Protein backbone atom coordinates (compact mmCIF):
# COMPACT_ATOMS: atom_id res chain seq x y z
CA MET A 1 -9.67 -12.23 -33.85
CA SER A 2 -10.68 -15.52 -32.35
CA LEU A 3 -9.48 -16.35 -28.86
CA ARG A 4 -7.80 -19.72 -28.63
CA LYS A 5 -7.01 -21.35 -25.31
CA ILE A 6 -3.94 -23.23 -26.48
CA LEU A 7 -0.21 -23.28 -26.17
CA GLU A 8 2.04 -23.23 -29.22
CA ASP A 9 5.65 -24.38 -29.59
CA PRO A 10 7.75 -23.31 -32.62
CA PHE A 11 10.72 -25.53 -31.59
CA ALA A 12 8.83 -28.58 -30.32
CA GLY A 13 11.35 -31.38 -30.64
CA PHE A 14 10.11 -34.84 -29.67
CA TYR A 15 8.24 -34.25 -26.39
CA SER A 16 6.32 -30.98 -26.40
CA PRO A 17 3.14 -30.68 -24.29
CA ALA A 18 1.89 -27.83 -26.53
CA GLU A 19 -1.29 -28.21 -28.55
CA ILE A 20 0.18 -26.74 -31.75
CA THR A 21 3.71 -27.95 -32.46
CA ASN A 22 6.41 -27.24 -35.02
CA ASP A 23 9.95 -28.50 -35.47
CA LEU A 24 12.27 -28.13 -38.43
CA ASN A 25 13.20 -31.81 -38.15
CA PRO A 26 10.67 -33.92 -40.11
CA LYS A 27 11.48 -36.95 -37.90
CA THR A 28 9.77 -35.32 -34.90
CA PRO A 29 6.06 -35.89 -34.19
CA ALA A 30 5.38 -32.15 -34.56
CA GLN A 31 2.35 -31.08 -36.61
CA TYR A 32 4.45 -28.73 -38.76
CA HIS A 33 8.04 -28.90 -40.02
CA LEU A 34 8.85 -25.31 -40.94
CA GLU A 35 11.33 -22.62 -40.04
CA ALA A 36 10.06 -21.15 -36.75
CA VAL A 37 9.12 -17.75 -38.21
CA ASP A 38 7.29 -19.38 -41.14
CA PHE A 39 5.33 -21.51 -38.66
CA LEU A 40 4.48 -18.51 -36.47
CA ASN A 41 3.36 -16.51 -39.51
CA LYS A 42 0.86 -19.26 -40.38
CA LEU A 43 -0.86 -18.90 -37.01
CA THR A 44 -3.88 -16.65 -36.64
CA GLY A 45 -5.89 -15.68 -33.62
CA VAL A 46 -4.74 -15.05 -30.07
CA TYR A 47 -3.03 -17.62 -27.87
CA VAL A 48 -2.72 -18.04 -24.10
CA GLY A 49 0.92 -19.03 -24.23
CA CYS A 50 4.03 -20.21 -25.99
CA LEU A 51 6.91 -22.53 -25.17
CA PHE A 52 10.07 -20.99 -26.59
CA ASP A 53 12.91 -23.53 -26.55
CA PRO A 54 15.13 -22.78 -29.57
CA PRO A 55 18.68 -23.97 -30.13
CA TYR A 56 20.82 -22.13 -27.58
CA SER A 57 23.95 -21.49 -29.68
CA LEU A 58 25.21 -21.11 -33.24
CA THR A 59 26.68 -24.60 -32.97
CA GLN A 60 23.27 -26.06 -32.08
CA VAL A 61 21.59 -24.16 -34.94
CA SER A 62 24.23 -25.35 -37.40
CA ARG A 63 23.94 -28.95 -36.17
CA SER A 64 20.15 -28.83 -36.53
CA TYR A 65 20.43 -27.76 -40.16
CA ASN A 66 23.28 -30.13 -41.00
CA ASP A 67 21.53 -33.12 -39.41
CA MET A 68 18.69 -32.62 -41.88
CA GLY A 69 20.92 -31.99 -44.89
CA LEU A 70 19.99 -28.30 -45.02
CA LYS A 71 22.41 -25.48 -45.69
CA PHE A 72 23.04 -23.36 -42.61
CA LYS A 73 22.53 -19.71 -43.51
CA GLY A 74 25.10 -18.07 -41.25
CA LYS A 75 24.30 -14.49 -42.29
CA GLU A 76 20.59 -15.14 -41.82
CA ASN A 77 21.30 -16.89 -38.53
CA PRO A 78 18.28 -16.74 -36.24
CA THR A 79 20.27 -16.68 -33.01
CA GLY A 80 20.97 -13.47 -31.24
CA GLY A 81 17.71 -14.21 -29.47
CA PHE A 82 15.60 -15.13 -32.51
CA PRO A 83 14.19 -11.59 -32.69
CA LYS A 84 11.82 -12.19 -35.63
CA ALA A 85 10.29 -15.23 -33.91
CA LYS A 86 9.94 -13.31 -30.62
CA ASP A 87 8.31 -10.35 -32.37
CA ARG A 88 5.71 -12.65 -33.94
CA ILE A 89 5.11 -14.52 -30.67
CA ALA A 90 4.47 -11.17 -28.94
CA GLU A 91 1.79 -10.40 -31.55
CA LEU A 92 0.10 -13.79 -31.02
CA ILE A 93 -0.03 -13.91 -27.21
CA GLN A 94 -3.08 -12.45 -25.47
CA ILE A 95 -2.78 -9.85 -22.72
CA GLY A 96 -2.16 -11.83 -19.53
CA GLY A 97 -0.78 -14.76 -21.55
CA MET A 98 2.51 -16.44 -20.72
CA VAL A 99 5.72 -17.27 -22.57
CA ILE A 100 8.09 -19.81 -21.07
CA SER A 101 11.57 -19.39 -22.57
CA PHE A 102 14.45 -21.85 -22.21
CA GLY A 103 18.12 -21.08 -22.84
CA TRP A 104 21.48 -20.13 -21.42
CA ASN A 105 20.27 -16.65 -20.50
CA THR A 106 17.14 -15.04 -19.04
CA ILE A 107 16.50 -12.46 -21.74
CA GLY A 108 13.18 -14.03 -22.68
CA MET A 109 10.65 -11.89 -24.55
CA GLY A 110 11.55 -8.65 -22.80
CA LYS A 111 9.93 -5.41 -21.71
CA LYS A 112 10.08 -3.87 -25.20
CA ARG A 113 7.69 -6.56 -26.41
CA GLY A 114 5.36 -5.91 -23.48
CA PHE A 115 6.35 -8.76 -21.15
CA LYS A 116 7.22 -8.84 -17.48
CA ILE A 117 9.29 -11.57 -15.82
CA GLU A 118 7.26 -13.55 -13.29
CA GLU A 119 9.81 -16.21 -12.39
CA ILE A 120 13.27 -17.52 -13.31
CA MET A 121 14.29 -21.11 -12.70
CA ILE A 122 17.63 -22.88 -13.06
CA VAL A 123 17.86 -26.51 -14.11
CA SER A 124 21.19 -28.18 -13.35
CA HIS A 125 22.14 -31.05 -15.65
CA GLY A 126 25.13 -32.12 -13.55
CA GLY A 127 28.76 -32.55 -14.42
CA ASN A 128 30.29 -29.99 -16.74
CA ARG A 129 27.06 -29.43 -18.68
CA ASN A 130 25.57 -25.93 -18.86
CA ASP A 131 22.54 -25.24 -16.70
CA THR A 132 19.29 -24.42 -18.50
CA LEU A 133 17.66 -21.15 -17.49
CA ILE A 134 13.88 -20.92 -17.70
CA THR A 135 12.23 -17.51 -17.86
CA ILE A 136 8.48 -17.24 -17.31
CA GLU A 137 6.95 -13.99 -18.50
CA ARG A 138 3.45 -12.54 -18.67
CA LYS A 139 2.26 -10.19 -21.40
CA LEU A 140 1.07 -6.88 -19.94
């Protein structure tokens, strides 16, 4: 396997600092516009890190699909932590590499995938908006 010193982002949106970007929405400047797992399965080699910032709720997933005229597949819903995407990310990240996860919880990649939490941050958005929790983990 080749060692790549880059960061990948399967849910890049409009402003990702990652070197390899993907977003389902074709209006974003991402390099790829695929389902996250399809994007991750295209990647080969070993990576130093990943930004993991998926939709945080079923409502956000549904809205993402509907905004693009796609049919939301409720039974195939990727929430519940996006386990297939996380499993593939764990395969792609080098030992010592980092995953930075964003969401409304701090579950992140988890011990079962070989990661250890290094830091947890809370970002307040003010008013009655939910805080964003950021979990930084290192692959052991």
